[in-house]
Protein backbone atom coordinates (compact mmCIF):
# COMPACT_ATOMS: atom_id res chain seq x y z
CA UNK A 1 -4.78 -26.03 -4.91
CA UNK A 2 -3.79 -23.28 -2.47
CA UNK A 3 -5.87 -20.09 -2.33
CA UNK A 4 -3.82 -18.50 0.45
CA UNK A 5 -2.00 -15.34 -0.64
CA UNK A 6 1.74 -15.57 -0.12
CA UNK A 7 3.52 -13.25 2.29
CA UNK A 8 5.36 -11.72 -0.67
CA UNK A 9 2.14 -10.95 -2.51
CA UNK A 10 0.61 -9.39 0.58
CA UNK A 11 3.70 -7.23 1.04
CA UNK A 12 3.44 -6.07 -2.57
CA UNK A 13 -0.19 -5.05 -2.02
CA UNK A 14 0.57 -3.20 1.19
CA UNK A 15 3.59 -1.41 -0.25
CA UNK A 16 1.77 -0.25 -3.37
CA UNK A 17 -1.24 0.83 -1.30
CA UNK A 18 0.99 3.01 0.89
CA UNK A 19 2.36 4.82 -2.14
CA UNK A 20 -1.07 5.22 -3.74
CA UNK A 21 -2.49 6.66 -0.52
CA UNK A 22 -0.53 9.84 -1.26
CA UNK A 23 -2.41 10.22 -4.56
CA UNK A 24 -6.14 10.41 -3.77
CA UNK A 25 -9.06 10.60 -6.20
CA UNK A 26 -8.81 14.39 -6.31
CA UNK A 27 -5.28 14.10 -7.68
CA UNK A 28 -6.43 11.82 -10.48
CA UNK A 29 -9.43 13.97 -11.32
CA UNK A 30 -7.15 16.98 -11.65
CA UNK A 31 -4.65 15.12 -13.85
CA UNK A 32 -7.51 13.91 -16.02
CA UNK A 33 -9.09 17.36 -16.32
CA UNK A 34 -5.76 19.02 -17.13
CA UNK A 35 -4.57 16.26 -19.49
CA UNK A 36 -1.46 16.14 -17.31
CA UNK A 37 0.77 13.07 -17.10
CA UNK A 38 1.02 11.94 -13.44
CA UNK A 39 4.77 12.32 -13.31
CA UNK A 40 5.10 12.59 -9.52
CA UNK A 41 3.08 9.39 -9.10
CA UNK A 42 5.22 7.65 -11.72
CA UNK A 43 8.40 8.86 -10.01
CA UNK A 44 7.17 7.63 -6.61
CA UNK A 45 6.57 4.11 -7.95
CA UNK A 46 9.90 4.15 -9.77
CA UNK A 47 11.75 5.21 -6.63
CA UNK A 48 10.17 2.28 -4.76
CA UNK A 49 11.28 -0.14 -7.47
CA UNK A 50 7.86 -1.12 -8.80
CA UNK A 51 8.44 0.03 -12.38
CA UNK A 52 11.04 -2.72 -12.74
CA UNK A 53 8.96 -5.44 -11.09
CA UNK A 54 9.04 -7.70 -14.17
CA UNK A 55 12.46 -6.73 -15.55
CA UNK A 56 15.29 -9.24 -14.85
CA UNK A 57 17.50 -8.53 -11.86
CA UNK A 58 20.56 -8.46 -14.11
CA UNK A 59 19.20 -5.22 -15.62
CA UNK A 60 18.13 -3.50 -12.42
CA UNK A 61 14.65 -4.97 -12.05
CA UNK A 62 13.10 -7.27 -9.46
CA UNK A 63 12.85 -10.27 -11.75
CA UNK A 64 9.32 -11.11 -10.69
CA UNK A 65 6.62 -12.78 -12.77
CA UNK A 66 3.33 -11.74 -14.29
CA UNK A 67 1.51 -12.60 -11.07
CA UNK A 68 3.45 -9.97 -9.14
CA UNK A 69 3.13 -7.42 -11.96
CA UNK A 70 -0.63 -8.01 -12.09
CA UNK A 71 -0.92 -7.40 -8.35
CA UNK A 72 0.93 -4.08 -8.67
CA UNK A 73 -1.34 -2.90 -11.49
CA UNK A 74 -4.51 -4.12 -9.77
CA UNK A 75 -3.64 -2.18 -6.61
CA UNK A 76 -2.83 0.96 -8.56
CA UNK A 77 -6.19 0.86 -10.36
CA UNK A 78 -8.08 -0.08 -7.18
CA UNK A 79 -6.67 2.93 -5.33
CA UNK A 80 -8.84 5.18 -7.50
CA UNK A 81 -6.07 5.85 -10.01
CA UNK A 82 -7.96 3.61 -12.44
CA UNK A 83 -6.55 3.63 -15.99
CA UNK A 84 -4.87 7.01 -15.64
CA UNK A 85 -2.58 5.42 -13.05
CA UNK A 86 -2.27 1.95 -14.57
CA UNK A 87 -1.55 3.19 -18.10
CA UNK A 88 1.14 5.54 -16.80
CA UNK A 89 3.22 2.54 -15.71
CA UNK A 90 1.84 -0.40 -17.71
CA UNK A 91 4.20 -0.10 -20.68
CA UNK A 92 7.22 0.46 -18.46
CA UNK A 93 6.37 -2.62 -16.40
CA UNK A 94 5.80 -4.94 -19.30
CA UNK A 95 6.06 -3.14 -22.63
CA UNK A 96 9.75 -4.04 -22.95
CA UNK A 97 9.03 -7.78 -22.80
CA UNK A 98 10.06 -8.27 -26.47
CA UNK A 99 13.42 -6.64 -25.68
CA UNK A 100 13.88 -8.84 -22.59
CA UNK A 101 13.22 -11.99 -24.63
CA UNK A 102 14.63 -11.14 -28.03
CA UNK A 103 16.84 -8.05 -27.80
CA UNK A 104 20.59 -8.21 -28.21
CA UNK A 105 22.83 -8.15 -25.14
CA UNK A 106 23.90 -4.58 -25.99
CA UNK A 107 20.27 -3.46 -26.39
CA UNK A 108 19.32 -4.92 -23.02
CA UNK A 109 22.29 -3.29 -21.29
CA UNK A 110 21.57 0.04 -22.93
CA UNK A 111 17.83 0.33 -22.31
CA UNK A 112 16.49 -2.03 -19.63
CA UNK A 113 18.23 -0.45 -16.60
CA UNK A 114 16.84 2.95 -17.63
CA UNK A 115 13.33 1.50 -17.89
CA UNK A 116 13.66 -0.24 -14.53
CA UNK A 117 14.69 2.94 -12.70
CA UNK A 118 12.00 5.02 -14.38
CA UNK A 119 14.34 7.15 -16.46
CA UNK A 120 13.22 5.86 -19.85
CA UNK A 121 9.60 6.03 -21.00
CA UNK A 122 8.68 3.71 -23.87
CA UNK A 123 5.55 3.76 -26.04
CA UNK A 124 4.13 0.95 -28.20
CA UNK A 125 3.40 1.61 -31.87
CA UNK A 126 1.36 -1.15 -33.52
CA UNK A 127 -2.17 -0.02 -34.42
CA UNK A 128 -2.79 1.81 -37.70
CA UNK A 129 -5.85 3.70 -39.00
CA UNK A 130 -6.68 1.14 -41.69
CA UNK A 131 -5.51 -2.01 -39.90
CA UNK A 132 -6.89 -1.98 -36.35
CA UNK A 133 -6.96 -5.50 -34.93
CA UNK A 134 -5.85 -6.90 -38.30
CA UNK A 135 -2.19 -6.39 -37.45
CA UNK A 136 -0.88 -8.23 -40.51
CA UNK A 137 -2.38 -5.46 -42.67
CA UNK A 138 -0.11 -2.70 -41.31
CA UNK A 139 1.56 -0.50 -43.93
CA UNK A 140 4.23 1.39 -41.97
CA UNK A 141 7.43 0.45 -43.79
CA UNK A 142 11.06 0.20 -42.76
CA UNK A 143 13.45 0.28 -45.71
CA UNK A 144 17.04 -0.84 -45.15
CA UNK A 145 19.65 1.79 -46.06
CA UNK A 146 23.15 0.76 -45.02
CA UNK A 147 23.32 0.44 -41.25
CA UNK A 148 19.91 2.11 -40.79
CA UNK A 149 16.27 1.51 -41.47
CA UNK A 150 14.20 4.38 -42.87
CA UNK A 151 10.68 4.30 -41.41
CA UNK A 152 7.67 5.81 -43.11
CA UNK A 153 4.03 5.48 -42.07
CA UNK A 154 1.36 6.35 -39.53
CA UNK A 155 0.23 4.81 -36.25
CA UNK A 156 -2.74 5.58 -34.01
CA UNK A 157 -3.55 5.00 -30.33
CA UNK A 158 0.12 5.16 -29.38
CA UNK A 159 -0.13 5.54 -25.61
CA UNK A 160 2.40 7.86 -23.91
CA UNK A 161 3.91 9.05 -27.20
CA UNK A 162 4.08 12.63 -25.89
CA UNK A 163 6.05 11.55 -22.82
CA UNK A 164 8.08 8.67 -24.24
CA UNK A 165 11.65 8.86 -25.52
CA UNK A 166 11.43 5.59 -27.47
CA UNK A 167 8.74 3.52 -29.16
CA UNK A 168 8.57 -0.19 -29.84
CA UNK A 169 7.49 0.14 -33.44
CA UNK A 170 6.09 -2.65 -35.61
CA UNK A 171 6.99 -2.12 -39.25
CA UNK A 172 6.88 -3.96 -42.56
CA UNK A 173 10.32 -4.75 -43.96
CA UNK A 174 8.79 -7.00 -46.62
CA UNK A 175 5.53 -5.99 -48.35
CA UNK A 176 2.65 -8.29 -47.47
CA UNK A 177 2.19 -9.45 -51.06
CA UNK A 178 5.86 -10.49 -51.21
CA UNK A 179 6.06 -12.25 -47.83
CA UNK A 180 5.68 -16.07 -47.65
CA UNK A 181 2.72 -15.48 -45.33
CA UNK A 182 0.99 -12.36 -44.05
CA UNK A 183 2.46 -12.64 -40.56
CA UNK A 184 6.01 -12.73 -41.98
CA UNK A 185 8.08 -9.75 -43.08
CA UNK A 186 7.35 -7.55 -40.06
CA UNK A 187 10.16 -6.15 -37.95
CA UNK A 188 10.15 -4.63 -34.47
CA UNK A 189 12.29 -1.53 -33.93
CA UNK A 190 13.04 0.45 -30.77
CA UNK A 191 12.87 3.84 -32.44
CA UNK A 192 13.59 7.35 -31.21
CA UNK A 193 10.47 9.51 -30.87
CA UNK A 194 12.31 12.75 -30.12
CA UNK A 195 13.32 13.54 -33.68
CA UNK A 196 12.11 16.05 -36.31
CA UNK A 197 10.97 13.19 -38.60
CA UNK A 198 8.28 12.28 -36.02
CA UNK A 199 5.01 14.21 -35.67
CA UNK A 200 2.88 13.42 -32.61
CA UNK A 201 -0.75 14.54 -32.27
CA UNK A 202 -2.84 13.66 -29.21
CA UNK A 203 -6.29 12.18 -29.89
CA UNK A 204 -9.18 13.93 -28.15
CA UNK A 205 -10.94 11.17 -26.23
CA UNK A 206 -13.63 10.59 -23.63
CA UNK A 207 -11.45 9.41 -20.74
CA UNK A 208 -8.04 8.45 -19.41
CA UNK A 209 -6.86 11.90 -20.35
CA UNK A 210 -3.87 12.06 -18.01
CA UNK A 211 -2.16 9.60 -20.36
CA UNK A 212 -2.34 10.73 -23.96
CA UNK A 213 -3.22 8.44 -26.85
CA UNK A 214 -1.68 9.74 -30.03
CA UNK A 215 -1.49 9.61 -33.78
CA UNK A 216 2.17 9.41 -34.76
CA UNK A 217 3.48 10.07 -38.27
CA UNK A 218 6.92 8.81 -39.27
CA UNK A 219 8.38 10.70 -42.23
CA UNK A 220 11.61 8.88 -43.19
CA UNK A 221 12.73 8.33 -39.60
CA UNK A 222 16.22 6.75 -39.42
CA UNK A 223 16.59 3.85 -36.97
CA UNK A 224 20.01 2.25 -36.49
CA UNK A 225 20.19 -1.49 -37.09
CA UNK A 226 21.36 -1.96 -33.48
CA UNK A 227 17.89 -0.79 -32.38
CA UNK A 228 16.21 -3.70 -34.14
CA UNK A 229 14.64 -6.21 -31.74
CA UNK A 230 15.71 -9.72 -32.71
CA UNK A 231 15.72 -10.84 -36.32
CA UNK A 232 14.38 -8.93 -39.28
CA UNK A 233 10.97 -10.23 -40.35
CA UNK A 234 10.13 -11.85 -36.98
CA UNK A 235 8.47 -8.87 -35.30
CA UNK A 236 4.92 -10.24 -35.42
CA UNK A 237 6.00 -13.41 -33.64
CA UNK A 238 7.80 -11.41 -30.97
CA UNK A 239 4.55 -9.54 -30.32
CA UNK A 240 2.63 -12.81 -29.99
CA UNK A 241 5.03 -13.87 -27.22
CA UNK A 242 3.69 -11.10 -25.04
CA UNK A 243 -0.02 -11.15 -25.85
CA UNK A 244 -1.06 -13.54 -23.09
CA UNK A 245 0.81 -11.55 -20.46
CA UNK A 246 -0.76 -8.35 -21.74
CA UNK A 247 -4.25 -9.83 -21.48
CA UNK A 248 -3.60 -10.81 -17.87
CA UNK A 249 -2.27 -7.39 -16.87
CA UNK A 250 -5.16 -5.58 -18.55
CA UNK A 251 -7.56 -7.91 -16.73
CA UNK A 252 -5.94 -7.01 -13.41
CA UNK A 253 -6.37 -3.32 -14.15
CA UNK A 254 -10.05 -3.80 -15.01
CA UNK A 255 -10.48 -5.74 -11.78
CA UNK A 256 -8.91 -2.88 -9.85
CA UNK A 257 -11.27 -0.30 -11.37
CA UNK A 258 -14.21 -2.50 -10.43
CA UNK A 259 -12.95 -2.74 -6.86
CA UNK A 260 -12.61 1.05 -6.63
CA UNK A 261 -16.10 1.62 -8.03
CA UNK A 262 -17.69 -0.96 -5.75
CA UNK A 263 -16.00 0.53 -2.70
CA UNK A 264 -17.38 3.96 -3.52
CA UNK A 265 -20.85 2.57 -4.22
CA UNK A 266 -21.04 0.56 -1.01
CA UNK A 267 -19.88 3.55 1.06
CA UNK A 268 -22.51 5.76 -0.57
CA UNK A 269 -25.25 3.14 -0.10
CA UNK A 270 -24.47 2.99 3.63
CA UNK A 271 -24.36 6.76 4.11
CA UNK A 272 -27.07 8.09 1.78
CA UNK A 273 -30.39 8.41 3.61
CA UNK A 274 -33.62 8.66 1.59
CA UNK A 275 -37.14 8.20 3.01
CA UNK A 276 -35.63 7.97 6.47
CA UNK A 277 -33.22 5.08 5.89
CA UNK A 278 -29.95 4.25 4.12
CA UNK A 279 -30.53 3.34 0.48
CA UNK A 280 -28.38 0.25 1.03
CA UNK A 281 -31.30 -1.28 2.92
CA UNK A 282 -33.20 -1.49 -0.36
CA UNK A 283 -32.61 -4.73 -2.21
CA UNK A 284 -32.90 -2.87 -5.51
CA UNK A 285 -29.67 -1.13 -4.49
CA UNK A 286 -27.91 -3.83 -2.48
CA UNK A 287 -28.49 -6.86 -4.71
CA UNK A 288 -26.78 -5.40 -7.82
CA UNK A 289 -23.79 -4.45 -5.66
CA UNK A 290 -23.65 -7.99 -4.29
CA UNK A 291 -23.74 -9.30 -7.84
CA UNK A 292 -20.93 -6.92 -8.81
CA UNK A 293 -18.78 -8.30 -5.98
CA UNK A 294 -19.38 -11.88 -7.10
CA UNK A 295 -18.53 -11.05 -10.72
CA UNK A 296 -15.29 -9.35 -9.66
CA UNK A 297 -14.26 -12.25 -7.42
CA UNK A 298 -14.96 -14.76 -10.19
CA UNK A 299 -12.88 -12.72 -12.65
CA UNK A 300 -10.04 -12.58 -10.14
CA UNK A 301 -9.93 -16.38 -9.95
CA UNK A 302 -9.39 -16.59 -13.71
CA UNK A 303 -6.71 -13.89 -13.53
CA UNK A 304 -4.87 -15.80 -10.81
CA UNK A 305 -5.13 -19.06 -12.76
CA UNK A 306 -3.85 -17.45 -15.95
CA UNK A 307 -0.95 -15.68 -14.24
CA UNK A 308 0.06 -18.86 -12.41
CA UNK A 309 0.09 -20.80 -15.69
CA UNK A 310 2.19 -18.22 -17.53
CA UNK A 311 4.67 -17.96 -14.67
CA UNK A 312 5.05 -21.74 -14.75
CA UNK A 313 5.75 -21.63 -18.48
CA UNK A 314 2.52 -23.50 -19.25
CA UNK A 315 0.04 -22.81 -22.07
CA UNK A 316 -2.47 -20.15 -20.98
CA UNK A 317 -3.97 -18.65 -24.15
CA UNK A 318 -7.54 -19.59 -23.26
CA UNK A 319 -7.21 -18.54 -19.63
CA UNK A 320 -5.53 -15.21 -20.45
CA UNK A 321 -8.23 -14.30 -22.94
CA UNK A 322 -11.01 -15.41 -20.63
CA UNK A 323 -9.50 -13.40 -17.79
CA UNK A 324 -9.48 -10.28 -19.94
CA UNK A 325 -13.10 -10.80 -21.07
CA UNK A 326 -14.44 -11.59 -17.59
CA UNK A 327 -12.56 -8.79 -15.81
CA UNK A 328 -13.46 -6.15 -18.42
CA UNK A 329 -17.10 -7.19 -18.17
CA UNK A 330 -17.12 -7.31 -14.36
CA UNK A 331 -15.18 -4.08 -13.98
CA UNK A 332 -17.54 -2.13 -16.20
CA UNK A 333 -20.63 -3.67 -14.58
CA UNK A 334 -19.33 -2.59 -11.17
CA UNK A 335 -18.61 0.94 -12.42
CA UNK A 336 -22.00 1.18 -14.10
CA UNK A 337 -23.75 0.01 -10.95
CA UNK A 338 -21.77 2.54 -8.92
CA UNK A 339 -23.16 5.25 -11.21
CA UNK A 340 -26.68 3.87 -10.72
CA UNK A 341 -26.27 3.67 -6.94
CA UNK A 342 -25.24 7.32 -6.78
CA UNK A 343 -28.23 8.38 -8.88
CA UNK A 344 -27.85 11.91 -10.19
CA UNK A 345 -24.72 12.43 -8.13
CA UNK A 346 -23.06 9.65 -10.11
CA UNK A 347 -22.94 12.08 -13.01
CA UNK A 348 -21.14 14.67 -10.89
CA UNK A 349 -17.35 14.69 -11.11
CA UNK A 350 -16.90 15.25 -7.38
CA UNK A 351 -18.02 11.68 -6.62
CA UNK A 352 -15.43 10.19 -9.03
CA UNK A 353 -17.51 7.23 -10.16
CA UNK A 354 -18.12 8.86 -13.55
CA UNK A 355 -14.36 8.74 -14.11
CA UNK A 356 -14.23 5.07 -13.17
CA UNK A 357 -17.17 4.47 -15.54
CA UNK A 358 -15.44 6.22 -18.46
CA UNK A 359 -12.19 4.37 -17.91
CA UNK A 360 -13.76 0.95 -17.25
CA UNK A 361 -15.60 1.20 -20.57
CA UNK A 362 -12.27 1.36 -22.36
CA UNK A 363 -11.32 -2.11 -21.13
CA UNK A 364 -14.09 -3.71 -23.17
CA UNK A 365 -12.49 -2.28 -26.33
CA UNK A 366 -8.74 -2.20 -25.77
CA UNK A 367 -6.25 -3.60 -26.32
CA UNK A 368 -8.54 -6.20 -27.86
CA UNK A 369 -12.32 -6.13 -28.07
CA UNK A 370 -14.61 -8.52 -26.25
CA UNK A 371 -15.75 -9.83 -29.63
CA UNK A 372 -12.22 -10.78 -30.67
CA UNK A 373 -11.77 -12.65 -27.39
CA UNK A 374 -14.95 -14.57 -28.16
CA UNK A 375 -13.54 -15.34 -31.60
CA UNK A 376 -10.49 -16.85 -29.92
CA UNK A 377 -12.48 -18.90 -27.43
CA UNK A 378 -14.98 -20.25 -29.93
CA UNK A 379 -12.24 -21.21 -32.39
CA UNK A 380 -9.47 -22.47 -30.09
CA UNK A 381 -11.45 -23.79 -27.12
CA UNK A 382 -14.72 -24.94 -28.67
CA UNK A 383 -13.08 -25.93 -31.98
CA UNK A 384 -15.70 -24.06 -34.03
CA UNK A 385 -14.96 -22.73 -37.53
CA UNK A 386 -13.04 -19.46 -37.68
CA UNK A 387 -15.39 -16.55 -38.27
CA UNK A 388 -12.96 -13.95 -39.65
């Protein structure tokens, strides 16, 4: 077992850090306050080739694995960009995985190079108001009409819908009560968002406001059959192919937020003088920060294990879920302790830790809750009865 970082991985970190250095905390605070997509940041990463880090070389990407993609996203979040930065590029880096694995040759040629060079923004439309985590209960329908599907329904929490040209949209082509099983009869479409049949409404939310989360209504949207990903009725299974990778990347982003928060807290604890000495001399301040560091490092080990397994083509469901749970927990604990270390100033926007805190809290909910991860671990690792 080798814990030494490779030269390539170190170069990735250094390169991403250099780009992120041009986008300080003040930039991210302003984007968040103005609900403004960080387009210049996105363009800078695209120009350097990092948007296509996980897209095959044949389509203009770098052809790297999940390990390399996780390092990019960790460094972006750790720079202080947090989820505003990571979410701006997350879907472009990995959201097209179903197309890479299951799309037709023409679909790959048409869309993947544009994603890799940053020209094409893609959103992900899965969650619905009455379905939530119970994906098999979605109701958005796609009815076949000649060489098109006609899509009707409503999605929520569609990230980047305002900025995206296309959406990977999970639909029902066979009603649930007519399908051989609930996970069958769902089809994945790469649909056009810039049409009059689509209504997009941003959701007012507590954080990560530079990247909008939206409700999207589809009112008889036509989607050509050539924009179907893979076979009709297999969409749910195509999504499952990417879940482990998504867990790992989300974990890396949570880790990065924790690193940013801990850096701020440690700097403040060294510099803030109360009762004639730095507050970092007090064990009530220093010990929780030491604990935060240990939690983050432990979470990183699980992330590295999970990403290594997936890049080797080995089973990693348990490790990917554990990495997400541990990193989300550690990242939020670090952000919360950074708030506590700053005292009243932690509540002030100028110190930035309140933004980390708001965005780190999201990771314990999305894209899957901590409780659902525990459901997975207790059922599939401990072999306990399914609880839902």
